[in-house]
Amino acid sequence: MTPEPTIFIVDDDQEVREALQLLMDSVGLQARTFASAREYLDAFDPDLPGCLVLDIRMKGMSGLELQEQLNRESLHPPIIMITGHGDVPMAVRAVQAGAVDFIEKPFNDQILLDSVHRALEQDAEQRGRESRLAEIREHLARLTPREREVLDLVVTGRRNKVIAADLGISQSTVEAHRAKVMDKMEARSLSDLMRMMLAVQPN
């Protein structure tokens, strides 16, 4: 069962943490607060869905430094930066590094909640893509080395007889391998198979 999305609030100002916690509670959103970036990192679990509401200026590790560290992870919650008036250039850097938004203090509750909902949608989409990629990789792991060779040639558009000549096997053997590939990959069509392979290719 997928855990409930959590709003992770990281701010070294206790009043801000409490205000944000109350705001999230008031609209039925689950929230957890952290007094420092290090405290959040110690509890960080990439498998937990949600978003991160993060103060840009904090004692010790700053919001930007935490963002840099999280960007090294394969999956982390989308980030919303909370910033003071003088921190806007830093906040722009944060958005360029992947933050969903930055909200200036004192923040408008509705603007922040709208941003949180956008971040939660982004997180759900990202986790859906990651889940689909993991599924495709599991299917690929079921293939024998020969079936993988046939797959790689099939998705380049080669015909069975050309694949047979390339691999030095009979056309009927290629057809048998191809049928196994379609079955193990759970592909409904050649175009479906090609989309799977495009999805797992590195950018």
C-alpha atoms as a PDB file:
ATOM      1  CA  MET A   1       0.000   0.000   0.000  1.00  0.00           C
ATOM      2  CA  THR A   2       1.360   3.461  -0.963  1.00  0.00           C
ATOM      3  CA  PRO A   3       2.049   5.674   2.083  1.00  0.00           C
ATOM      4  CA  GLU A   4       0.122   8.939   2.458  1.00  0.00           C
ATOM      5  CA  PRO A   5       2.049  11.896   0.948  1.00  0.00           C
ATOM      6  CA  THR A   6       3.848  13.944   3.593  1.00  0.00           C
ATOM      7  CA  ILE A   7       4.770  17.633   3.559  1.00  0.00           C
ATOM      8  CA  PHE A   8       8.311  17.764   4.985  1.00  0.00           C
ATOM      9  CA  ILE A   9       8.861  21.203   6.550  1.00  0.00           C
ATOM     10  CA  VAL A  10      12.500  22.194   7.163  1.00  0.00           C
ATOM     11  CA  ASP A  11      13.058  25.537   8.884  1.00  0.00           C
ATOM     12  CA  ASP A  12      15.222  26.569  11.831  1.00  0.00           C
ATOM     13  CA  ASP A  13      12.542  29.023  13.049  1.00  0.00           C
ATOM     14  CA  GLN A  14      10.187  27.196  15.422  1.00  0.00           C
ATOM     15  CA  GLU A  15       7.341  29.695  14.900  1.00  0.00           C
ATOM     16  CA  VAL A  16       7.481  29.179  11.124  1.00  0.00           C
ATOM     17  CA  ARG A  17       7.541  25.391  11.552  1.00  0.00           C
ATOM     18  CA  GLU A  18       4.520  25.482  13.830  1.00  0.00           C
ATOM     19  CA  ALA A  19       2.606  27.865  11.548  1.00  0.00           C
ATOM     20  CA  LEU A  20       3.264  25.655   8.526  1.00  0.00           C
ATOM     21  CA  GLN A  21       2.309  22.518  10.446  1.00  0.00           C
ATOM     22  CA  LEU A  22      -1.015  24.143  11.458  1.00  0.00           C
ATOM     23  CA  LEU A  23      -1.652  25.259   7.879  1.00  0.00           C
ATOM     24  CA  MET A  24      -1.116  21.747   6.502  1.00  0.00           C
ATOM     25  CA  ASP A  25      -3.237  20.239   9.288  1.00  0.00           C
ATOM     26  CA  SER A  26      -6.051  22.691   8.478  1.00  0.00           C
ATOM     27  CA  VAL A  27      -6.430  21.290   4.953  1.00  0.00           C
ATOM     28  CA  GLY A  28      -5.948  17.646   5.922  1.00  0.00           C
ATOM     29  CA  LEU A  29      -2.343  17.298   4.710  1.00  0.00           C
ATOM     30  CA  GLN A  30       0.088  15.178   6.697  1.00  0.00           C
ATOM     31  CA  ALA A  31       3.187  17.132   7.739  1.00  0.00           C
ATOM     32  CA  ARG A  32       6.471  16.505   9.544  1.00  0.00           C
ATOM     33  CA  THR A  33       8.760  19.266  10.758  1.00  0.00           C
ATOM     34  CA  PHE A  34      12.547  19.418  11.026  1.00  0.00           C
ATOM     35  CA  ALA A  35      14.655  22.106  12.712  1.00  0.00           C
ATOM     36  CA  SER A  36      17.643  21.694  10.382  1.00  0.00           C
ATOM     37  CA  ALA A  37      18.713  20.298   7.028  1.00  0.00           C
ATOM     38  CA  ARG A  38      20.851  17.697   8.824  1.00  0.00           C
ATOM     39  CA  GLU A  39      17.858  16.538  10.894  1.00  0.00           C
ATOM     40  CA  TYR A  40      15.872  16.066   7.675  1.00  0.00           C
ATOM     41  CA  LEU A  41      18.720  14.187   5.968  1.00  0.00           C
ATOM     42  CA  ASP A  42      19.012  11.824   8.928  1.00  0.00           C
ATOM     43  CA  ALA A  43      15.332  10.889   8.456  1.00  0.00           C
ATOM     44  CA  PHE A  44      15.338  11.012   4.622  1.00  0.00           C
ATOM     45  CA  ASP A  45      13.681   8.053   2.910  1.00  0.00           C
ATOM     46  CA  PRO A  46      13.421   8.261  -0.904  1.00  0.00           C
ATOM     47  CA  ASP A  47      10.474   5.863  -0.884  1.00  0.00           C
ATOM     48  CA  LEU A  48       8.251   8.277   1.058  1.00  0.00           C
ATOM     49  CA  PRO A  49       6.029  10.357  -1.255  1.00  0.00           C
ATOM     50  CA  GLY A  50       5.398  14.035  -0.617  1.00  0.00           C
ATOM     51  CA  CYS A  51       7.129  17.379  -1.028  1.00  0.00           C
ATOM     52  CA  LEU A  52       9.685  19.444   0.840  1.00  0.00           C
ATOM     53  CA  VAL A  53       8.988  22.983   2.081  1.00  0.00           C
ATOM     54  CA  LEU A  54      12.471  24.290   2.742  1.00  0.00           C
ATOM     55  CA  ASP A  55      13.855  27.522   4.196  1.00  0.00           C
ATOM     56  CA  ILE A  56      16.680  28.835   2.039  1.00  0.00           C
ATOM     57  CA  ARG A  57      18.698  30.365   4.931  1.00  0.00           C
ATOM     58  CA  MET A  58      19.372  28.174   7.966  1.00  0.00           C
ATOM     59  CA  LYS A  59      22.177  27.742  10.464  1.00  0.00           C
ATOM     60  CA  GLY A  60      24.583  25.013   9.416  1.00  0.00           C
ATOM     61  CA  MET A  61      23.552  23.490   6.101  1.00  0.00           C
ATOM     62  CA  SER A  62      21.501  25.949   4.005  1.00  0.00           C
ATOM     63  CA  GLY A  63      18.448  25.092   1.948  1.00  0.00           C
ATOM     64  CA  LEU A  64      20.514  25.338  -1.249  1.00  0.00           C
ATOM     65  CA  GLU A  65      23.139  22.951   0.141  1.00  0.00           C
ATOM     66  CA  LEU A  66      20.427  20.467   1.124  1.00  0.00           C
ATOM     67  CA  GLN A  67      18.944  20.726  -2.363  1.00  0.00           C
ATOM     68  CA  GLU A  68      22.373  20.029  -3.920  1.00  0.00           C
ATOM     69  CA  GLN A  69      22.739  16.956  -1.726  1.00  0.00           C
ATOM     70  CA  LEU A  70      19.247  15.661  -2.559  1.00  0.00           C
ATOM     71  CA  ASN A  71      19.852  16.183  -6.284  1.00  0.00           C
ATOM     72  CA  ARG A  72      22.483  13.433  -6.067  1.00  0.00           C
ATOM     73  CA  GLU A  73      19.726  10.976  -5.095  1.00  0.00           C
ATOM     74  CA  SER A  74      17.822   9.104  -7.805  1.00  0.00           C
ATOM     75  CA  LEU A  75      14.513  10.135  -6.208  1.00  0.00           C
ATOM     76  CA  HIS A  76      13.591  12.832  -3.698  1.00  0.00           C
ATOM     77  CA  PRO A  77      10.498  14.946  -2.946  1.00  0.00           C
ATOM     78  CA  PRO A  78       9.972  18.077  -5.077  1.00  0.00           C
ATOM     79  CA  ILE A  79      11.222  21.186  -3.280  1.00  0.00           C
ATOM     80  CA  ILE A  80       9.463  24.474  -2.520  1.00  0.00           C
ATOM     81  CA  MET A  81      11.855  27.124  -1.197  1.00  0.00           C
ATOM     82  CA  ILE A  82      10.746  29.664   1.411  1.00  0.00           C
ATOM     83  CA  THR A  83      12.743  32.848   1.097  1.00  0.00           C
ATOM     84  CA  GLY A  84      13.141  36.330   2.591  1.00  0.00           C
ATOM     85  CA  HIS A  85      13.105  39.403   0.331  1.00  0.00           C
ATOM     86  CA  GLY A  86      16.905  39.531   0.060  1.00  0.00           C
ATOM     87  CA  ASP A  87      17.149  35.893  -0.930  1.00  0.00           C
ATOM     88  CA  VAL A  88      15.348  36.065  -4.286  1.00  0.00           C
ATOM     89  CA  PRO A  89      18.537  35.607  -6.403  1.00  0.00           C
ATOM     90  CA  MET A  90      19.334  32.515  -4.320  1.00  0.00           C
ATOM     91  CA  ALA A  91      15.771  31.279  -4.790  1.00  0.00           C
ATOM     92  CA  VAL A  92      16.104  31.699  -8.560  1.00  0.00           C
ATOM     93  CA  ARG A  93      19.203  29.488  -8.368  1.00  0.00           C
ATOM     94  CA  ALA A  94      17.136  26.926  -6.474  1.00  0.00           C
ATOM     95  CA  VAL A  95      14.464  26.898  -9.207  1.00  0.00           C
ATOM     96  CA  GLN A  96      17.172  26.530 -11.867  1.00  0.00           C
ATOM     97  CA  ALA A  97      18.429  23.513  -9.868  1.00  0.00           C
ATOM     98  CA  GLY A  98      14.962  21.932  -9.960  1.00  0.00           C
ATOM     99  CA  ALA A  99      12.878  23.503  -7.173  1.00  0.00           C
ATOM    100  CA  VAL A 100       9.169  23.639  -8.021  1.00  0.00           C
ATOM    101  CA  ASP A 101       8.698  27.153  -6.659  1.00  0.00           C
ATOM    102  CA  PHE A 102       9.906  29.765  -4.214  1.00  0.00           C
ATOM    103  CA  ILE A 103       7.579  31.571  -1.836  1.00  0.00           C
ATOM    104  CA  GLU A 104       8.544  34.889  -0.225  1.00  0.00           C
ATOM    105  CA  LYS A 105       8.029  35.522   3.492  1.00  0.00           C
ATOM    106  CA  PRO A 106       5.596  36.505   4.853  1.00  0.00           C
ATOM    107  CA  PHE A 107       3.870  33.945   2.656  1.00  0.00           C
ATOM    108  CA  ASN A 108       0.267  33.912   1.504  1.00  0.00           C
ATOM    109  CA  ASP A 109      -1.324  30.674   2.740  1.00  0.00           C
ATOM    110  CA  GLN A 110      -3.270  29.964  -0.449  1.00  0.00           C
ATOM    111  CA  ILE A 111      -0.266  30.598  -2.714  1.00  0.00           C
ATOM    112  CA  LEU A 112       1.792  28.180  -0.627  1.00  0.00           C
ATOM    113  CA  LEU A 113      -0.973  25.529  -0.608  1.00  0.00           C
ATOM    114  CA  ASP A 114      -1.390  25.819  -4.397  1.00  0.00           C
ATOM    115  CA  SER A 115       2.363  25.303  -4.760  1.00  0.00           C
ATOM    116  CA  VAL A 116       2.264  22.294  -2.395  1.00  0.00           C
ATOM    117  CA  HIS A 117      -0.511  20.668  -4.440  1.00  0.00           C
ATOM    118  CA  ARG A 118       1.491  21.202  -7.666  1.00  0.00           C
ATOM    119  CA  ALA A 119       4.549  19.651  -6.017  1.00  0.00           C
ATOM    120  CA  LEU A 120       2.512  16.636  -4.830  1.00  0.00           C
ATOM    121  CA  GLU A 121       1.189  16.110  -8.379  1.00  0.00           C
ATOM    122  CA  GLN A 122       4.749  16.293  -9.727  1.00  0.00           C
ATOM    123  CA  ASP A 123       5.924  13.788  -7.117  1.00  0.00           C
ATOM    124  CA  ALA A 124       3.117  11.338  -7.997  1.00  0.00           C
ATOM    125  CA  GLU A 125       3.957  11.585 -11.724  1.00  0.00           C
ATOM    126  CA  GLN A 126       7.666  11.087 -11.058  1.00  0.00           C
ATOM    127  CA  ARG A 127       7.027   8.060  -8.832  1.00  0.00           C
ATOM    128  CA  GLY A 128       4.691   6.593 -11.461  1.00  0.00           C
ATOM    129  CA  ARG A 129       7.456   6.891 -14.086  1.00  0.00           C
ATOM    130  CA  GLU A 130      10.035   5.347 -11.735  1.00  0.00           C
ATOM    131  CA  SER A 131       7.684   2.459 -10.959  1.00  0.00           C
ATOM    132  CA  ARG A 132       7.134   1.813 -14.688  1.00  0.00           C
ATOM    133  CA  LEU A 133      10.901   1.901 -15.374  1.00  0.00           C
ATOM    134  CA  ALA A 134      11.541  -0.575 -12.544  1.00  0.00           C
ATOM    135  CA  GLU A 135       8.903  -2.876 -14.044  1.00  0.00           C
ATOM    136  CA  ILE A 136      10.513  -2.728 -17.514  1.00  0.00           C
ATOM    137  CA  ARG A 137      13.950  -3.461 -16.020  1.00  0.00           C
ATOM    138  CA  GLU A 138      12.503  -6.467 -14.187  1.00  0.00           C
ATOM    139  CA  HIS A 139      11.106  -7.770 -17.488  1.00  0.00           C
ATOM    140  CA  LEU A 140      14.486  -7.238 -19.195  1.00  0.00           C
ATOM    141  CA  ALA A 141      16.218  -9.221 -16.452  1.00  0.00           C
ATOM    142  CA  ARG A 142      14.088 -12.262 -17.366  1.00  0.00           C
ATOM    143  CA  LEU A 143      15.510 -12.423 -20.894  1.00  0.00           C
ATOM    144  CA  THR A 144      18.278 -14.846 -21.815  1.00  0.00           C
ATOM    145  CA  PRO A 145      21.398 -13.316 -23.438  1.00  0.00           C
ATOM    146  CA  ARG A 146      20.190 -14.545 -26.873  1.00  0.00           C
ATOM    147  CA  GLU A 147      16.707 -13.107 -26.341  1.00  0.00           C
ATOM    148  CA  ARG A 148      18.273  -9.772 -25.411  1.00  0.00           C
ATOM    149  CA  GLU A 149      20.319  -9.851 -28.634  1.00  0.00           C
ATOM    150  CA  VAL A 150      17.154 -10.498 -30.638  1.00  0.00           C
ATOM    151  CA  LEU A 151      15.321  -7.720 -28.783  1.00  0.00           C
ATOM    152  CA  ASP A 152      18.082  -5.184 -29.483  1.00  0.00           C
ATOM    153  CA  LEU A 153      17.945  -6.019 -33.196  1.00  0.00           C
ATOM    154  CA  VAL A 154      14.132  -6.113 -33.370  1.00  0.00           C
ATOM    155  CA  VAL A 155      13.812  -2.570 -32.017  1.00  0.00           C
ATOM    156  CA  THR A 156      16.186  -1.274 -34.704  1.00  0.00           C
ATOM    157  CA  GLY A 157      13.539  -2.359 -37.246  1.00  0.00           C
ATOM    158  CA  ARG A 158      15.402  -5.340 -38.710  1.00  0.00           C
ATOM    159  CA  ARG A 159      13.327  -8.129 -40.250  1.00  0.00           C
ATOM    160  CA  ASN A 160      13.521 -11.667 -38.900  1.00  0.00           C
ATOM    161  CA  LYS A 161      15.570 -12.982 -41.814  1.00  0.00           C
ATOM    162  CA  VAL A 162      18.120 -10.155 -41.420  1.00  0.00           C
ATOM    163  CA  ILE A 163      18.360 -10.859 -37.669  1.00  0.00           C
ATOM    164  CA  ALA A 164      18.830 -14.569 -38.454  1.00  0.00           C
ATOM    165  CA  ALA A 165      21.713 -13.745 -40.823  1.00  0.00           C
ATOM    166  CA  ASP A 166      23.270 -11.315 -38.313  1.00  0.00           C
ATOM    167  CA  LEU A 167      23.181 -13.879 -35.494  1.00  0.00           C
ATOM    168  CA  GLY A 168      23.923 -16.954 -37.616  1.00  0.00           C
ATOM    169  CA  ILE A 169      20.707 -18.759 -36.601  1.00  0.00           C
ATOM    170  CA  SER A 170      17.597 -19.877 -38.490  1.00  0.00           C
ATOM    171  CA  GLN A 171      14.654 -17.586 -39.114  1.00  0.00           C
ATOM    172  CA  SER A 172      12.336 -19.951 -37.209  1.00  0.00           C
ATOM    173  CA  THR A 173      14.671 -19.694 -34.174  1.00  0.00           C
ATOM    174  CA  VAL A 174      14.507 -15.887 -34.407  1.00  0.00           C
ATOM    175  CA  GLU A 175      10.704 -16.081 -34.534  1.00  0.00           C
ATOM    176  CA  ALA A 176      10.673 -18.316 -31.436  1.00  0.00           C
ATOM    177  CA  HIS A 177      13.002 -15.948 -29.551  1.00  0.00           C
ATOM    178  CA  ARG A 178      10.938 -12.961 -30.663  1.00  0.00           C
ATOM    179  CA  ALA A 179       7.739 -14.564 -29.346  1.00  0.00           C
ATOM    180  CA  LYS A 180       9.492 -15.237 -26.010  1.00  0.00           C
ATOM    181  CA  VAL A 181      10.678 -11.623 -25.862  1.00  0.00           C
ATOM    182  CA  MET A 182       7.153 -10.290 -26.429  1.00  0.00           C
ATOM    183  CA  ASP A 183       5.819 -12.627 -23.747  1.00  0.00           C
ATOM    184  CA  LYS A 184       8.479 -11.887 -21.103  1.00  0.00           C
ATOM    185  CA  MET A 185       8.363  -8.137 -21.736  1.00  0.00           C
ATOM    186  CA  GLU A 186       4.536  -8.224 -21.632  1.00  0.00           C
ATOM    187  CA  ALA A 187       4.507  -6.144 -24.819  1.00  0.00           C
ATOM    188  CA  ARG A 188       1.264  -5.956 -26.793  1.00  0.00           C
ATOM    189  CA  SER A 189       2.925  -4.853 -30.037  1.00  0.00           C
ATOM    190  CA  LEU A 190       6.247  -3.930 -31.599  1.00  0.00           C
ATOM    191  CA  SER A 191       5.565  -0.222 -30.961  1.00  0.00           C
ATOM    192  CA  ASP A 192       4.851  -1.044 -27.294  1.00  0.00           C
ATOM    193  CA  LEU A 193       8.200  -2.861 -27.114  1.00  0.00           C
ATOM    194  CA  MET A 194       9.995   0.087 -28.720  1.00  0.00           C
ATOM    195  CA  ARG A 195       8.444   2.544 -26.241  1.00  0.00           C
ATOM    196  CA  MET A 196       9.680   0.372 -23.360  1.00  0.00           C
ATOM    197  CA  MET A 197      13.223   0.352 -24.701  1.00  0.00           C
ATOM    198  CA  LEU A 198      13.189   4.110 -25.322  1.00  0.00           C
ATOM    199  CA  ALA A 199      11.995   4.644 -21.737  1.00  0.00           C
ATOM    200  CA  VAL A 200      14.958   2.778 -20.204  1.00  0.00           C
ATOM    201  CA  GLN A 201      17.609   4.339 -22.421  1.00  0.00           C
ATOM    202  CA  PRO A 202      19.738   6.946 -20.626  1.00  0.00           C
ATOM    203  CA  ASN A 203      19.100  10.525 -21.781  1.00  0.00           C
END
